[in-house]
Amino acid sequence: MSLPSRAPGSRGSLLEQLAQCQANSNDLISGMKQTFSSRRSNEGLLLTLRTRYLHVGRCGDRFHGTARFFATELHYAFDHPRHRRVEMLMKYADMLEPRKIAAGDAGGPAFSFRIGRKLEYFDREYDPQNPEHRLLLRFNTEADLKRFSDLVYHKVRGVAGRP
């Protein structure tokens, strides 16, 4: 004996459509979570620091954010006036002339370096050919600089490029 087919628009048909929509949305949400978690993976994370600002080339000191130091690269997340939320990824091997700057220097403790190519978000502010143009990550405290120095700096120096 077969069941009578339901007419389009009947209650059963609507429930089936809703169940399918829910299944599709669950798949979509699951995919988004997987993408986000792989993008924000903490695998290999050495240190996370909130910073006072990032100075890039001739651009002002206004990009406070979060620096996440991994074994081979730095991720720096901040709000950019034109590009909204930005996460810069800078490989230590691409860094030139890395330097620690002590708290006694003007402006407080920092990490400074150059990149030998154009930067995507700072194409007008940073000229890789200008030796005066540097990236400067200003730490909040001397303790932050010490943690950076103890956990990360030797890795940067070990692979950083030379001009």
C-alpha atoms as a PDB file:
ATOM      1  CA  MET A   1       0.000   0.000   0.000  1.00  0.00           C
ATOM      2  CA  SER A   2       1.392   3.312  -0.980  1.00  0.00           C
ATOM      3  CA  LEU A   3       0.919   6.510   0.916  1.00  0.00           C
ATOM      4  CA  PRO A   4      -0.956   9.253  -0.811  1.00  0.00           C
ATOM      5  CA  SER A   5       1.328  11.890  -2.230  1.00  0.00           C
ATOM      6  CA  ARG A   6       1.130  15.274  -0.606  1.00  0.00           C
ATOM      7  CA  ALA A   7      -0.070  18.201  -2.536  1.00  0.00           C
ATOM      8  CA  PRO A   8       2.429  21.028  -3.048  1.00  0.00           C
ATOM      9  CA  GLY A   9       2.023  23.575  -0.297  1.00  0.00           C
ATOM     10  CA  SER A  10       0.795  21.010   2.214  1.00  0.00           C
ATOM     11  CA  ARG A  11       2.110  20.978   5.751  1.00  0.00           C
ATOM     12  CA  GLY A  12       4.309  17.909   5.152  1.00  0.00           C
ATOM     13  CA  SER A  13       5.951  19.494   2.123  1.00  0.00           C
ATOM     14  CA  LEU A  14       6.689  22.658   4.061  1.00  0.00           C
ATOM     15  CA  LEU A  15       8.268  20.700   6.930  1.00  0.00           C
ATOM     16  CA  GLU A  16      10.455  18.809   4.460  1.00  0.00           C
ATOM     17  CA  GLN A  17      11.592  22.079   2.882  1.00  0.00           C
ATOM     18  CA  LEU A  18      12.394  23.554   6.300  1.00  0.00           C
ATOM     19  CA  ALA A  19      14.381  20.444   7.264  1.00  0.00           C
ATOM     20  CA  GLN A  20      16.367  20.706   4.020  1.00  0.00           C
ATOM     21  CA  CYS A  21      17.071  24.398   4.631  1.00  0.00           C
ATOM     22  CA  GLN A  22      18.259  23.619   8.160  1.00  0.00           C
ATOM     23  CA  ALA A  23      20.551  20.867   6.882  1.00  0.00           C
ATOM     24  CA  ASN A  24      21.987  23.222   4.254  1.00  0.00           C
ATOM     25  CA  SER A  25      22.567  25.984   6.801  1.00  0.00           C
ATOM     26  CA  ASN A  26      24.228  23.525   9.216  1.00  0.00           C
ATOM     27  CA  ASP A  27      26.601  22.466   6.426  1.00  0.00           C
ATOM     28  CA  LEU A  28      27.355  26.109   5.625  1.00  0.00           C
ATOM     29  CA  ILE A  29      28.009  27.012   9.274  1.00  0.00           C
ATOM     30  CA  SER A  30      30.207  23.941   9.725  1.00  0.00           C
ATOM     31  CA  GLY A  31      32.253  24.921   6.654  1.00  0.00           C
ATOM     32  CA  MET A  32      32.616  28.497   7.879  1.00  0.00           C
ATOM     33  CA  LYS A  33      33.798  27.309  11.312  1.00  0.00           C
ATOM     34  CA  GLN A  34      36.364  25.026   9.707  1.00  0.00           C
ATOM     35  CA  THR A  35      37.656  27.840   7.483  1.00  0.00           C
ATOM     36  CA  PHE A  36      37.833  30.296  10.361  1.00  0.00           C
ATOM     37  CA  SER A  37      39.523  27.879  12.760  1.00  0.00           C
ATOM     38  CA  SER A  38      42.173  26.896  10.210  1.00  0.00           C
ATOM     39  CA  ARG A  39      42.809  30.549   9.427  1.00  0.00           C
ATOM     40  CA  ARG A  40      43.162  31.445  13.112  1.00  0.00           C
ATOM     41  CA  SER A  41      45.043  28.311  14.102  1.00  0.00           C
ATOM     42  CA  ASN A  42      47.255  28.589  17.145  1.00  0.00           C
ATOM     43  CA  GLU A  43      49.543  25.814  15.964  1.00  0.00           C
ATOM     44  CA  GLY A  44      53.117  27.002  16.388  1.00  0.00           C
ATOM     45  CA  LEU A  45      52.068  30.154  18.278  1.00  0.00           C
ATOM     46  CA  LEU A  46      54.943  31.428  20.424  1.00  0.00           C
ATOM     47  CA  LEU A  47      53.589  34.705  21.776  1.00  0.00           C
ATOM     48  CA  THR A  48      50.582  37.027  21.535  1.00  0.00           C
ATOM     49  CA  LEU A  49      50.940  40.704  22.486  1.00  0.00           C
ATOM     50  CA  ARG A  50      48.656  43.715  22.319  1.00  0.00           C
ATOM     51  CA  THR A  51      50.643  46.620  20.924  1.00  0.00           C
ATOM     52  CA  ARG A  52      50.494  50.394  21.201  1.00  0.00           C
ATOM     53  CA  TYR A  53      50.815  50.815  17.451  1.00  0.00           C
ATOM     54  CA  LEU A  54      52.381  49.830  14.175  1.00  0.00           C
ATOM     55  CA  HIS A  55      54.308  52.483  12.260  1.00  0.00           C
ATOM     56  CA  VAL A  56      54.869  51.768   8.556  1.00  0.00           C
ATOM     57  CA  GLY A  57      57.202  53.882   6.411  1.00  0.00           C
ATOM     58  CA  ARG A  58      55.872  57.421   6.467  1.00  0.00           C
ATOM     59  CA  CYS A  59      52.463  56.389   7.822  1.00  0.00           C
ATOM     60  CA  GLY A  60      51.455  57.655  11.277  1.00  0.00           C
ATOM     61  CA  ASP A  61      51.530  55.755  14.528  1.00  0.00           C
ATOM     62  CA  ARG A  62      47.881  54.756  14.722  1.00  0.00           C
ATOM     63  CA  PHE A  63      47.537  51.067  14.040  1.00  0.00           C
ATOM     64  CA  HIS A  64      47.279  49.535  17.506  1.00  0.00           C
ATOM     65  CA  GLY A  65      46.421  45.888  17.380  1.00  0.00           C
ATOM     66  CA  THR A  66      47.435  42.356  18.225  1.00  0.00           C
ATOM     67  CA  ALA A  67      50.729  40.764  17.258  1.00  0.00           C
ATOM     68  CA  ARG A  68      50.770  36.973  17.058  1.00  0.00           C
ATOM     69  CA  PHE A  69      54.285  35.588  16.727  1.00  0.00           C
ATOM     70  CA  PHE A  70      54.615  32.100  15.272  1.00  0.00           C
ATOM     71  CA  ALA A  71      57.745  30.027  14.619  1.00  0.00           C
ATOM     72  CA  THR A  72      58.281  31.489  11.115  1.00  0.00           C
ATOM     73  CA  GLU A  73      55.983  34.525  10.788  1.00  0.00           C
ATOM     74  CA  LEU A  74      54.237  37.424  12.458  1.00  0.00           C
ATOM     75  CA  HIS A  75      50.485  38.018  12.112  1.00  0.00           C
ATOM     76  CA  TYR A  76      49.440  41.562  12.941  1.00  0.00           C
ATOM     77  CA  ALA A  77      45.713  42.363  13.127  1.00  0.00           C
ATOM     78  CA  PHE A  78      44.430  45.945  13.217  1.00  0.00           C
ATOM     79  CA  ASP A  79      41.717  48.266  11.901  1.00  0.00           C
ATOM     80  CA  HIS A  80      42.723  50.192   8.773  1.00  0.00           C
ATOM     81  CA  PRO A  81      40.806  53.363   7.759  1.00  0.00           C
ATOM     82  CA  ARG A  82      40.414  52.234   4.115  1.00  0.00           C
ATOM     83  CA  HIS A  83      40.599  48.454   4.277  1.00  0.00           C
ATOM     84  CA  ARG A  84      38.721  47.854   7.554  1.00  0.00           C
ATOM     85  CA  ARG A  85      39.968  44.829   9.500  1.00  0.00           C
ATOM     86  CA  VAL A  86      43.402  43.815   8.233  1.00  0.00           C
ATOM     87  CA  GLU A  87      45.653  40.943   9.205  1.00  0.00           C
ATOM     88  CA  MET A  88      49.160  41.375   7.871  1.00  0.00           C
ATOM     89  CA  LEU A  89      51.278  38.256   7.573  1.00  0.00           C
ATOM     90  CA  MET A  90      55.010  38.912   7.581  1.00  0.00           C
ATOM     91  CA  LYS A  91      57.468  36.033   7.255  1.00  0.00           C
ATOM     92  CA  TYR A  92      60.656  36.382   9.274  1.00  0.00           C
ATOM     93  CA  ALA A  93      62.658  35.304   6.212  1.00  0.00           C
ATOM     94  CA  ASP A  94      61.362  38.450   4.413  1.00  0.00           C
ATOM     95  CA  MET A  95      62.457  40.782   7.221  1.00  0.00           C
ATOM     96  CA  LEU A  96      65.592  42.842   6.745  1.00  0.00           C
ATOM     97  CA  GLU A  97      67.632  44.473   9.496  1.00  0.00           C
ATOM     98  CA  PRO A  98      65.503  43.342  12.473  1.00  0.00           C
ATOM     99  CA  ARG A  99      66.187  45.357  15.647  1.00  0.00           C
ATOM    100  CA  LYS A 100      64.964  45.483  19.215  1.00  0.00           C
ATOM    101  CA  ILE A 101      64.530  48.973  20.610  1.00  0.00           C
ATOM    102  CA  ALA A 102      64.852  49.401  24.375  1.00  0.00           C
ATOM    103  CA  ALA A 103      62.344  51.301  26.482  1.00  0.00           C
ATOM    104  CA  GLY A 104      64.878  54.058  27.130  1.00  0.00           C
ATOM    105  CA  ASP A 105      64.768  55.076  23.458  1.00  0.00           C
ATOM    106  CA  ALA A 106      62.255  57.693  22.342  1.00  0.00           C
ATOM    107  CA  GLY A 107      58.765  56.208  22.271  1.00  0.00           C
ATOM    108  CA  GLY A 108      59.408  53.105  24.362  1.00  0.00           C
ATOM    109  CA  PRO A 109      60.162  49.452  23.614  1.00  0.00           C
ATOM    110  CA  ALA A 110      59.724  48.254  20.032  1.00  0.00           C
ATOM    111  CA  PHE A 111      60.658  45.812  17.296  1.00  0.00           C
ATOM    112  CA  SER A 112      61.744  47.341  13.986  1.00  0.00           C
ATOM    113  CA  PHE A 113      62.515  45.823  10.581  1.00  0.00           C
ATOM    114  CA  ARG A 114      62.311  46.405   6.844  1.00  0.00           C
ATOM    115  CA  ILE A 115      60.596  44.359   4.140  1.00  0.00           C
ATOM    116  CA  GLY A 116      62.301  44.276   0.743  1.00  0.00           C
ATOM    117  CA  ARG A 117      59.108  44.483  -1.338  1.00  0.00           C
ATOM    118  CA  LYS A 118      55.934  46.553  -1.636  1.00  0.00           C
ATOM    119  CA  LEU A 119      53.284  46.069   1.038  1.00  0.00           C
ATOM    120  CA  GLU A 120      49.697  45.388   0.008  1.00  0.00           C
ATOM    121  CA  TYR A 121      47.980  47.711   2.499  1.00  0.00           C
ATOM    122  CA  PHE A 122      50.666  50.409   2.600  1.00  0.00           C
ATOM    123  CA  ASP A 123      51.639  50.732  -1.054  1.00  0.00           C
ATOM    124  CA  ARG A 124      51.736  54.549  -0.899  1.00  0.00           C
ATOM    125  CA  GLU A 125      53.287  54.869   2.563  1.00  0.00           C
ATOM    126  CA  TYR A 126      56.085  52.310   2.365  1.00  0.00           C
ATOM    127  CA  ASP A 127      58.877  52.370  -0.219  1.00  0.00           C
ATOM    128  CA  PRO A 128      61.064  49.251  -0.006  1.00  0.00           C
ATOM    129  CA  GLN A 129      63.848  51.105  -1.850  1.00  0.00           C
ATOM    130  CA  ASN A 130      64.033  53.827   0.819  1.00  0.00           C
ATOM    131  CA  PRO A 131      66.383  52.677   3.629  1.00  0.00           C
ATOM    132  CA  GLU A 132      64.641  55.077   6.042  1.00  0.00           C
ATOM    133  CA  HIS A 133      61.303  53.291   5.621  1.00  0.00           C
ATOM    134  CA  ARG A 134      60.829  50.670   8.315  1.00  0.00           C
ATOM    135  CA  LEU A 135      58.030  48.877  10.094  1.00  0.00           C
ATOM    136  CA  LEU A 136      58.013  49.527  13.813  1.00  0.00           C
ATOM    137  CA  LEU A 137      55.906  47.547  16.252  1.00  0.00           C
ATOM    138  CA  ARG A 138      55.672  49.542  19.493  1.00  0.00           C
ATOM    139  CA  PHE A 139      55.176  47.354  22.580  1.00  0.00           C
ATOM    140  CA  ASN A 140      53.200  48.480  25.625  1.00  0.00           C
ATOM    141  CA  THR A 141      55.806  47.622  28.247  1.00  0.00           C
ATOM    142  CA  GLU A 142      59.437  46.676  28.738  1.00  0.00           C
ATOM    143  CA  ALA A 143      58.147  43.298  29.996  1.00  0.00           C
ATOM    144  CA  ASP A 144      56.510  42.738  26.586  1.00  0.00           C
ATOM    145  CA  LEU A 145      59.834  43.466  24.869  1.00  0.00           C
ATOM    146  CA  LYS A 146      61.570  41.011  27.194  1.00  0.00           C
ATOM    147  CA  ARG A 147      59.002  38.272  26.446  1.00  0.00           C
ATOM    148  CA  PHE A 148      59.422  38.975  22.721  1.00  0.00           C
ATOM    149  CA  SER A 149      63.198  38.881  23.109  1.00  0.00           C
ATOM    150  CA  ASP A 150      63.177  35.627  25.091  1.00  0.00           C
ATOM    151  CA  LEU A 151      60.634  33.739  22.956  1.00  0.00           C
ATOM    152  CA  VAL A 152      60.786  35.129  19.415  1.00  0.00           C
ATOM    153  CA  TYR A 153      63.677  37.439  18.544  1.00  0.00           C
ATOM    154  CA  HIS A 154      66.304  34.694  18.158  1.00  0.00           C
ATOM    155  CA  LYS A 155      64.015  32.950  15.632  1.00  0.00           C
ATOM    156  CA  VAL A 156      63.649  36.175  13.631  1.00  0.00           C
ATOM    157  CA  ARG A 157      67.411  36.804  13.631  1.00  0.00           C
ATOM    158  CA  GLY A 158      68.056  33.196  12.629  1.00  0.00           C
ATOM    159  CA  VAL A 159      66.110  33.406   9.370  1.00  0.00           C
ATOM    160  CA  ALA A 160      65.839  37.132   8.573  1.00  0.00           C
ATOM    161  CA  GLY A 161      67.196  38.140   5.186  1.00  0.00           C
ATOM    162  CA  ARG A 162      70.114  40.454   4.767  1.00  0.00           C
ATOM    163  CA  PRO A 163      70.081  43.417   2.387  1.00  0.00           C
END
